[in-house]
């Protein structure tokens, strides 16, 4: 686990140079790949689609309810019907 030090991309590169990276844990997309950093929402959606097989396998996302870009995002109403068993 490398929590502190140089930028995340540099830490990832150092690990990959010396170890087999088997799993990454994070609370934002740029925790997993530098391509997400600075990407707009449409680019992030495309990158998520390109890497969909990684989520839940070697990229594990932990929600962070205390801060993040999500706090300024517009919310869309969910139109799913309510079902009671």
PDB file of N, CA and C in Angstrom:
ATOM      1  N   UNK A   1       0.848  -1.159   0.000  1.00  0.00           N
ATOM      2  CA  UNK A   1       0.000   0.000   0.000  1.00  0.00           C
ATOM      3  C   UNK A   1       0.900   1.230   0.000  1.00  0.00           C
ATOM      4  N   UNK A   2       0.632   2.121  -0.936  1.00  0.00           N
ATOM      5  CA  UNK A   2       1.404   3.353  -1.046  1.00  0.00           C
ATOM      6  C   UNK A   2       0.433   4.529  -0.956  1.00  0.00           C
ATOM      7  N   UNK A   3       0.297   5.077   0.233  1.00  0.00           N
ATOM      8  CA  UNK A   3      -0.651   6.167   0.434  1.00  0.00           C
ATOM      9  C   UNK A   3      -0.037   7.535   0.192  1.00  0.00           C
ATOM     10  N   UNK A   4       1.226   7.688   0.470  1.00  0.00           N
ATOM     11  CA  UNK A   4       1.875   8.987   0.378  1.00  0.00           C
ATOM     12  C   UNK A   4       3.062   8.919  -0.559  1.00  0.00           C
ATOM     13  N   UNK A   5       3.483  10.066  -1.036  1.00  0.00           N
ATOM     14  CA  UNK A   5       4.641  10.121  -1.907  1.00  0.00           C
ATOM     15  C   UNK A   5       4.337  10.908  -3.154  1.00  0.00           C
ATOM     16  N   UNK A   6       4.944  10.512  -4.269  1.00  0.00           N
ATOM     17  CA  UNK A   6       4.713  11.240  -5.521  1.00  0.00           C
ATOM     18  C   UNK A   6       3.277  11.048  -6.012  1.00  0.00           C
ATOM     19  N   UNK A   7       2.975  11.637  -7.142  1.00  0.00           N
ATOM     20  CA  UNK A   7       1.630  11.534  -7.730  1.00  0.00           C
ATOM     21  C   UNK A   7       1.228  10.074  -7.932  1.00  0.00           C
ATOM     22  N   UNK A   8      -0.074   9.829  -7.972  1.00  0.00           N
ATOM     23  CA  UNK A   8      -0.587   8.459  -8.094  1.00  0.00           C
ATOM     24  C   UNK A   8      -0.028   7.737  -9.310  1.00  0.00           C
ATOM     25  N   UNK A   9       0.060   8.427 -10.440  1.00  0.00           N
ATOM     26  CA  UNK A   9       0.583   7.784 -11.659  1.00  0.00           C
ATOM     27  C   UNK A   9       2.016   7.311 -11.449  1.00  0.00           C
ATOM     28  N   UNK A  10       2.811   8.099 -10.749  1.00  0.00           N
ATOM     29  CA  UNK A  10       4.200   7.708 -10.484  1.00  0.00           C
ATOM     30  C   UNK A  10       4.253   6.527  -9.520  1.00  0.00           C
ATOM     31  N   UNK A  11       3.392   6.525  -8.523  1.00  0.00           N
ATOM     32  CA  UNK A  11       3.364   5.392  -7.582  1.00  0.00           C
ATOM     33  C   UNK A  11       2.937   4.114  -8.286  1.00  0.00           C
ATOM     34  N   UNK A  12       1.917   4.215  -9.160  1.00  0.00           N
ATOM     35  CA  UNK A  12       1.480   3.038  -9.917  1.00  0.00           C
ATOM     36  C   UNK A  12       2.623   2.505 -10.779  1.00  0.00           C
ATOM     37  N   UNK A  13       3.317   3.397 -11.473  1.00  0.00           N
ATOM     38  CA  UNK A  13       4.427   2.989 -12.347  1.00  0.00           C
ATOM     39  C   UNK A  13       5.528   2.301 -11.553  1.00  0.00           C
ATOM     40  N   UNK A  14       5.825   2.816 -10.362  1.00  0.00           N
ATOM     41  CA  UNK A  14       6.861   2.197  -9.518  1.00  0.00           C
ATOM     42  C   UNK A  14       6.450   0.788  -9.103  1.00  0.00           C
ATOM     43  N   UNK A  15       5.201   0.620  -8.743  1.00  0.00           N
ATOM     44  CA  UNK A  15       4.725  -0.705  -8.343  1.00  0.00           C
ATOM     45  C   UNK A  15       4.796  -1.668  -9.518  1.00  0.00           C
ATOM     46  N   UNK A  16       4.313  -1.235 -10.682  1.00  0.00           N
ATOM     47  CA  UNK A  16       4.302  -2.098 -11.867  1.00  0.00           C
ATOM     48  C   UNK A  16       5.715  -2.467 -12.295  1.00  0.00           C
ATOM     49  N   UNK A  17       6.671  -1.567 -12.115  1.00  0.00           N
ATOM     50  CA  UNK A  17       8.062  -1.864 -12.473  1.00  0.00           C
ATOM     51  C   UNK A  17       8.666  -2.962 -11.607  1.00  0.00           C
ATOM     52  N   UNK A  18       8.225  -3.068 -10.364  1.00  0.00           N
ATOM     53  CA  UNK A  18       8.867  -3.973  -9.411  1.00  0.00           C
ATOM     54  C   UNK A  18       7.987  -5.104  -8.885  1.00  0.00           C
ATOM     55  N   UNK A  19       6.708  -5.082  -9.227  1.00  0.00           N
ATOM     56  CA  UNK A  19       5.769  -6.061  -8.682  1.00  0.00           C
ATOM     57  C   UNK A  19       4.700  -6.388  -9.715  1.00  0.00           C
ATOM     58  N   UNK A  20       3.939  -7.420  -9.422  1.00  0.00           N
ATOM     59  CA  UNK A  20       2.751  -7.723 -10.202  1.00  0.00           C
ATOM     60  C   UNK A  20       1.564  -7.069  -9.500  1.00  0.00           C
ATOM     61  N   UNK A  21       0.959  -6.120 -10.161  1.00  0.00           N
ATOM     62  CA  UNK A  21      -0.175  -5.407  -9.597  1.00  0.00           C
ATOM     63  C   UNK A  21      -1.424  -6.271  -9.767  1.00  0.00           C
ATOM     64  N   UNK A  22      -2.026  -6.690  -8.670  1.00  0.00           N
ATOM     65  CA  UNK A  22      -3.169  -7.598  -8.760  1.00  0.00           C
ATOM     66  C   UNK A  22      -4.497  -6.912  -8.446  1.00  0.00           C
ATOM     67  N   UNK A  23      -4.477  -5.793  -7.731  1.00  0.00           N
ATOM     68  CA  UNK A  23      -5.728  -5.139  -7.373  1.00  0.00           C
ATOM     69  C   UNK A  23      -5.453  -3.701  -6.960  1.00  0.00           C
ATOM     70  N   UNK A  24      -6.387  -2.820  -7.302  1.00  0.00           N
ATOM     71  CA  UNK A  24      -6.324  -1.444  -6.847  1.00  0.00           C
ATOM     72  C   UNK A  24      -7.638  -1.108  -6.161  1.00  0.00           C
ATOM     73  N   UNK A  25      -7.546  -0.375  -5.085  1.00  0.00           N
ATOM     74  CA  UNK A  25      -8.710   0.079  -4.337  1.00  0.00           C
ATOM     75  C   UNK A  25      -8.736   1.595  -4.383  1.00  0.00           C
ATOM     76  N   UNK A  26      -9.908   2.181  -4.556  1.00  0.00           N
ATOM     77  CA  UNK A  26      -9.977   3.633  -4.583  1.00  0.00           C
ATOM     78  C   UNK A  26     -11.397   4.139  -4.480  1.00  0.00           C
ATOM     79  N   UNK A  27     -11.508   5.461  -4.308  1.00  0.00           N
ATOM     80  CA  UNK A  27     -12.829   6.069  -4.206  1.00  0.00           C
ATOM     81  C   UNK A  27     -13.127   7.027  -5.358  1.00  0.00           C
ATOM     82  N   UNK A  28     -12.221   7.089  -6.335  1.00  0.00           N
ATOM     83  CA  UNK A  28     -12.471   7.903  -7.528  1.00  0.00           C
ATOM     84  C   UNK A  28     -11.792   7.244  -8.719  1.00  0.00           C
ATOM     85  N   UNK A  29     -12.267   7.566  -9.910  1.00  0.00           N
ATOM     86  CA  UNK A  29     -11.766   6.901 -11.111  1.00  0.00           C
ATOM     87  C   UNK A  29     -10.276   7.111 -11.323  1.00  0.00           C
ATOM     88  N   UNK A  30      -9.768   8.302 -11.024  1.00  0.00           N
ATOM     89  CA  UNK A  30      -8.338   8.533 -11.261  1.00  0.00           C
ATOM     90  C   UNK A  30      -7.445   7.780 -10.275  1.00  0.00           C
ATOM     91  N   UNK A  31      -8.045   7.120  -9.283  1.00  0.00           N
ATOM     92  CA  UNK A  31      -7.266   6.233  -8.411  1.00  0.00           C
ATOM     93  C   UNK A  31      -6.797   4.992  -9.187  1.00  0.00           C
ATOM     94  N   UNK A  32      -7.481   4.662 -10.281  1.00  0.00           N
ATOM     95  CA  UNK A  32      -7.204   3.435 -11.019  1.00  0.00           C
ATOM     96  C   UNK A  32      -6.343   3.638 -12.260  1.00  0.00           C
ATOM     97  N   UNK A  33      -6.515   4.747 -12.944  1.00  0.00           N
ATOM     98  CA  UNK A  33      -5.739   5.010 -14.162  1.00  0.00           C
ATOM     99  C   UNK A  33      -5.625   6.517 -14.374  1.00  0.00           C
ATOM    100  N   UNK A  34      -4.455   6.941 -14.790  1.00  0.00           N
ATOM    101  CA  UNK A  34      -4.213   8.355 -15.018  1.00  0.00           C
ATOM    102  C   UNK A  34      -5.067   8.941 -16.125  1.00  0.00           C
ATOM    103  N   UNK A  35      -5.587   8.097 -17.027  1.00  0.00           N
ATOM    104  CA  UNK A  35      -6.437   8.586 -18.117  1.00  0.00           C
ATOM    105  C   UNK A  35      -7.683   9.300 -17.596  1.00  0.00           C
ATOM    106  N   UNK A  36      -8.147   8.935 -16.415  1.00  0.00           N
ATOM    107  CA  UNK A  36      -9.348   9.549 -15.847  1.00  0.00           C
ATOM    108  C   UNK A  36      -9.093  10.965 -15.336  1.00  0.00           C
ATOM    109  N   UNK A  37      -7.867  11.256 -14.942  1.00  0.00           N
ATOM    110  CA  UNK A  37      -7.544  12.570 -14.387  1.00  0.00           C
ATOM    111  C   UNK A  37      -7.701  13.632 -15.480  1.00  0.00           C
ATOM    112  N   UNK A  38      -8.506  14.624 -15.223  1.00  0.00           N
ATOM    113  CA  UNK A  38      -8.712  15.710 -16.172  1.00  0.00           C
ATOM    114  C   UNK A  38      -9.693  15.394 -17.289  1.00  0.00           C
ATOM    115  N   UNK A  39     -10.200  14.173 -17.351  1.00  0.00           N
ATOM    116  CA  UNK A  39     -11.166  13.813 -18.395  1.00  0.00           C
ATOM    117  C   UNK A  39     -12.527  14.423 -18.068  1.00  0.00           C
ATOM    118  N   UNK A  40     -13.232  14.906 -19.108  1.00  0.00           N
ATOM    119  CA  UNK A  40     -14.573  15.426 -18.854  1.00  0.00           C
ATOM    120  C   UNK A  40     -15.530  14.246 -18.674  1.00  0.00           C
ATOM    121  N   UNK A  41     -16.774  14.535 -18.365  1.00  0.00           N
ATOM    122  CA  UNK A  41     -17.734  13.481 -18.033  1.00  0.00           C
ATOM    123  C   UNK A  41     -17.928  12.492 -19.176  1.00  0.00           C
ATOM    124  N   UNK A  42     -18.036  12.983 -20.413  1.00  0.00           N
ATOM    125  CA  UNK A  42     -18.213  12.073 -21.548  1.00  0.00           C
ATOM    126  C   UNK A  42     -16.990  11.171 -21.723  1.00  0.00           C
ATOM    127  N   UNK A  43     -15.802  11.724 -21.550  1.00  0.00           N
ATOM    128  CA  UNK A  43     -14.577  10.918 -21.652  1.00  0.00           C
ATOM    129  C   UNK A  43     -14.519   9.894 -20.527  1.00  0.00           C
ATOM    130  N   UNK A  44     -14.935  10.287 -19.325  1.00  0.00           N
ATOM    131  CA  UNK A  44     -14.955   9.343 -18.205  1.00  0.00           C
ATOM    132  C   UNK A  44     -15.913   8.199 -18.487  1.00  0.00           C
ATOM    133  N   UNK A  45     -17.093   8.511 -19.036  1.00  0.00           N
ATOM    134  CA  UNK A  45     -18.059   7.452 -19.373  1.00  0.00           C
ATOM    135  C   UNK A  45     -17.449   6.482 -20.369  1.00  0.00           C
ATOM    136  N   UNK A  46     -16.769   7.013 -21.396  1.00  0.00           N
ATOM    137  CA  UNK A  46     -16.147   6.154 -22.400  1.00  0.00           C
ATOM    138  C   UNK A  46     -15.046   5.287 -21.783  1.00  0.00           C
ATOM    139  N   UNK A  47     -14.242   5.871 -20.907  1.00  0.00           N
ATOM    140  CA  UNK A  47     -13.177   5.105 -20.252  1.00  0.00           C
ATOM    141  C   UNK A  47     -13.736   4.029 -19.335  1.00  0.00           C
ATOM    142  N   UNK A  48     -14.839   4.333 -18.649  1.00  0.00           N
ATOM    143  CA  UNK A  48     -15.480   3.324 -17.810  1.00  0.00           C
ATOM    144  C   UNK A  48     -15.964   2.166 -18.681  1.00  0.00           C
ATOM    145  N   UNK A  49     -16.586   2.474 -19.820  1.00  0.00           N
ATOM    146  CA  UNK A  49     -17.045   1.411 -20.733  1.00  0.00           C
ATOM    147  C   UNK A  49     -15.874   0.570 -21.223  1.00  0.00           C
ATOM    148  N   UNK A  50     -14.774   1.228 -21.583  1.00  0.00           N
ATOM    149  CA  UNK A  50     -13.592   0.510 -22.080  1.00  0.00           C
ATOM    150  C   UNK A  50     -12.993  -0.413 -21.017  1.00  0.00           C
ATOM    151  N   UNK A  51     -13.141  -0.046 -19.754  1.00  0.00           N
ATOM    152  CA  UNK A  51     -12.532  -0.803 -18.660  1.00  0.00           C
ATOM    153  C   UNK A  51     -13.564  -1.524 -17.796  1.00  0.00           C
ATOM    154  N   UNK A  52     -14.763  -1.706 -18.310  1.00  0.00           N
ATOM    155  CA  UNK A  52     -15.862  -2.258 -17.512  1.00  0.00           C
ATOM    156  C   UNK A  52     -15.515  -3.593 -16.860  1.00  0.00           C
ATOM    157  N   UNK A  53     -14.759  -4.445 -17.559  1.00  0.00           N
ATOM    158  CA  UNK A  53     -14.449  -5.771 -17.014  1.00  0.00           C
ATOM    159  C   UNK A  53     -13.524  -5.705 -15.804  1.00  0.00           C
ATOM    160  N   UNK A  54     -12.887  -4.571 -15.585  1.00  0.00           N
ATOM    161  CA  UNK A  54     -11.945  -4.443 -14.469  1.00  0.00           C
ATOM    162  C   UNK A  54     -12.659  -4.122 -13.150  1.00  0.00           C
ATOM    163  N   UNK A  55     -13.784  -3.406 -13.245  1.00  0.00           N
ATOM    164  CA  UNK A  55     -14.494  -3.009 -12.025  1.00  0.00           C
ATOM    165  C   UNK A  55     -15.066  -4.241 -11.330  1.00  0.00           C
ATOM    166  N   UNK A  56     -14.745  -4.363 -10.052  1.00  0.00           N
ATOM    167  CA  UNK A  56     -15.183  -5.519  -9.280  1.00  0.00           C
ATOM    168  C   UNK A  56     -14.224  -6.693  -9.367  1.00  0.00           C
ATOM    169  N   UNK A  57     -13.251  -6.620 -10.239  1.00  0.00           N
ATOM    170  CA  UNK A  57     -12.244  -7.666 -10.363  1.00  0.00           C
ATOM    171  C   UNK A  57     -10.908  -7.185  -9.818  1.00  0.00           C
ATOM    172  N   UNK A  58     -10.230  -6.337 -10.574  1.00  0.00           N
ATOM    173  CA  UNK A  58      -8.959  -5.815 -10.068  1.00  0.00           C
ATOM    174  C   UNK A  58      -9.034  -4.318  -9.751  1.00  0.00           C
ATOM    175  N   UNK A  59     -10.159  -3.680 -10.052  1.00  0.00           N
ATOM    176  CA  UNK A  59     -10.423  -2.308  -9.618  1.00  0.00           C
ATOM    177  C   UNK A  59     -11.633  -2.346  -8.693  1.00  0.00           C
ATOM    178  N   UNK A  60     -11.411  -2.054  -7.429  1.00  0.00           N
ATOM    179  CA  UNK A  60     -12.485  -2.078  -6.437  1.00  0.00           C
ATOM    180  C   UNK A  60     -12.762  -0.646  -5.995  1.00  0.00           C
ATOM    181  N   UNK A  61     -13.999  -0.199  -6.199  1.00  0.00           N
ATOM    182  CA  UNK A  61     -14.389   1.171  -5.861  1.00  0.00           C
ATOM    183  C   UNK A  61     -15.090   1.183  -4.509  1.00  0.00           C
ATOM    184  N   UNK A  62     -14.575   2.034  -3.635  1.00  0.00           N
ATOM    185  CA  UNK A  62     -15.209   2.265  -2.339  1.00  0.00           C
ATOM    186  C   UNK A  62     -15.871   3.639  -2.375  1.00  0.00           C
ATOM    187  N   UNK A  63     -17.144   3.729  -2.072  1.00  0.00           N
ATOM    188  CA  UNK A  63     -17.787   5.043  -2.069  1.00  0.00           C
ATOM    189  C   UNK A  63     -17.225   5.926  -0.959  1.00  0.00           C
ATOM    190  N   UNK A  64     -17.143   7.199  -1.242  1.00  0.00           N
ATOM    191  CA  UNK A  64     -16.684   8.172  -0.259  1.00  0.00           C
ATOM    192  C   UNK A  64     -17.770   9.237  -0.149  1.00  0.00           C
ATOM    193  N   UNK A  65     -18.519   9.193   0.907  1.00  0.00           N
ATOM    194  CA  UNK A  65     -19.643  10.117   1.079  1.00  0.00           C
ATOM    195  C   UNK A  65     -19.236  11.472   1.642  1.00  0.00           C
ATOM    196  N   UNK A  66     -17.963  11.680   1.916  1.00  0.00           N
ATOM    197  CA  UNK A  66     -17.560  12.929   2.560  1.00  0.00           C
ATOM    198  C   UNK A  66     -17.140  14.009   1.580  1.00  0.00           C
ATOM    199  N   UNK A  67     -16.647  13.650   0.393  1.00  0.00           N
ATOM    200  CA  UNK A  67     -16.264  14.656  -0.598  1.00  0.00           C
ATOM    201  C   UNK A  67     -16.134  14.004  -1.960  1.00  0.00           C
ATOM    202  N   UNK A  68     -16.076  14.825  -2.993  1.00  0.00           N
ATOM    203  CA  UNK A  68     -15.859  14.308  -4.336  1.00  0.00           C
ATOM    204  C   UNK A  68     -16.601  15.124  -5.372  1.00  0.00           C
ATOM    205  N   UNK A  69     -16.267  14.876  -6.640  1.00  0.00           N
ATOM    206  CA  UNK A  69     -16.899  15.599  -7.741  1.00  0.00           C
ATOM    207  C   UNK A  69     -18.391  15.306  -7.812  1.00  0.00           C
ATOM    208  N   UNK A  70     -18.823  14.166  -7.293  1.00  0.00           N
ATOM    209  CA  UNK A  70     -20.229  13.795  -7.321  1.00  0.00           C
ATOM    210  C   UNK A  70     -21.103  14.827  -6.619  1.00  0.00           C
ATOM    211  N   UNK A  71     -20.553  15.545  -5.639  1.00  0.00           N
ATOM    212  CA  UNK A  71     -21.364  16.465  -4.831  1.00  0.00           C
ATOM    213  C   UNK A  71     -21.890  17.639  -5.647  1.00  0.00           C
ATOM    214  N   UNK A  72     -21.301  17.911  -6.818  1.00  0.00           N
ATOM    215  CA  UNK A  72     -21.761  19.003  -7.665  1.00  0.00           C
ATOM    216  C   UNK A  72     -22.505  18.501  -8.904  1.00  0.00           C
ATOM    217  N   UNK A  73     -22.654  17.185  -9.040  1.00  0.00           N
ATOM    218  CA  UNK A  73     -23.309  16.616 -10.218  1.00  0.00           C
ATOM    219  C   UNK A  73     -24.825  16.759 -10.124  1.00  0.00           C
ATOM    220  N   UNK A  74     -25.456  16.942 -11.291  1.00  0.00           N
ATOM    221  CA  UNK A  74     -26.910  16.965 -11.334  1.00  0.00           C
ATOM    222  C   UNK A  74     -27.423  15.544 -11.159  1.00  0.00           C
ATOM    223  N   UNK A  75     -28.506  15.406 -10.442  1.00  0.00           N
ATOM    224  CA  UNK A  75     -29.094  14.090 -10.223  1.00  0.00           C
ATOM    225  C   UNK A  75     -30.275  13.902 -11.157  1.00  0.00           C
ATOM    226  N   UNK A  76     -30.359  12.732 -11.757  1.00  0.00           N
ATOM    227  CA  UNK A  76     -31.508  12.382 -12.585  1.00  0.00           C
ATOM    228  C   UNK A  76     -32.435  11.499 -11.766  1.00  0.00           C
ATOM    229  N   UNK A  77     -33.720  11.780 -11.876  1.00  0.00           N
ATOM    230  CA  UNK A  77     -34.702  10.962 -11.159  1.00  0.00           C
ATOM    231  C   UNK A  77     -34.665   9.542 -11.694  1.00  0.00           C
ATOM    232  N   UNK A  78     -34.812   8.587 -10.816  1.00  0.00           N
ATOM    233  CA  UNK A  78     -34.838   7.186 -11.197  1.00  0.00           C
ATOM    234  C   UNK A  78     -36.290   6.795 -11.404  1.00  0.00           C
ATOM    235  N   UNK A  79     -36.604   6.358 -12.606  1.00  0.00           N
ATOM    236  CA  UNK A  79     -37.993   6.084 -12.980  1.00  0.00           C
ATOM    237  C   UNK A  79     -38.395   4.623 -12.787  1.00  0.00           C
ATOM    238  N   UNK A  80     -37.629   3.853 -12.058  1.00  0.00           N
ATOM    239  CA  UNK A  80     -37.957   2.437 -11.863  1.00  0.00           C
ATOM    240  C   UNK A  80     -39.211   2.316 -11.003  1.00  0.00           C
ATOM    241  N   UNK A  81     -40.076   1.358 -11.332  1.00  0.00           N
ATOM    242  CA  UNK A  81     -41.276   1.171 -10.507  1.00  0.00           C
ATOM    243  C   UNK A  81     -40.925   0.625  -9.129  1.00  0.00           C
ATOM    244  N   UNK A  82     -41.656   1.031  -8.153  1.00  0.00           N
ATOM    245  CA  UNK A  82     -41.466   0.550  -6.782  1.00  0.00           C
ATOM    246  C   UNK A  82     -42.202  -0.774  -6.638  1.00  0.00           C
ATOM    247  N   UNK A  83     -41.515  -1.797  -6.175  1.00  0.00           N
ATOM    248  CA  UNK A  83     -42.136  -3.113  -6.000  1.00  0.00           C
ATOM    249  C   UNK A  83     -42.019  -3.530  -4.544  1.00  0.00           C
ATOM    250  N   UNK A  84     -43.117  -4.028  -4.031  1.00  0.00           N
ATOM    251  CA  UNK A  84     -43.149  -4.519  -2.649  1.00  0.00           C
ATOM    252  C   UNK A  84     -43.494  -5.992  -2.703  1.00  0.00           C
ATOM    253  N   UNK A  85     -42.699  -6.781  -1.985  1.00  0.00           N
ATOM    254  CA  UNK A  85     -42.973  -8.227  -1.946  1.00  0.00           C
ATOM    255  C   UNK A  85     -43.827  -8.580  -0.777  1.00  0.00           C
TER     256      UNK A  85
END
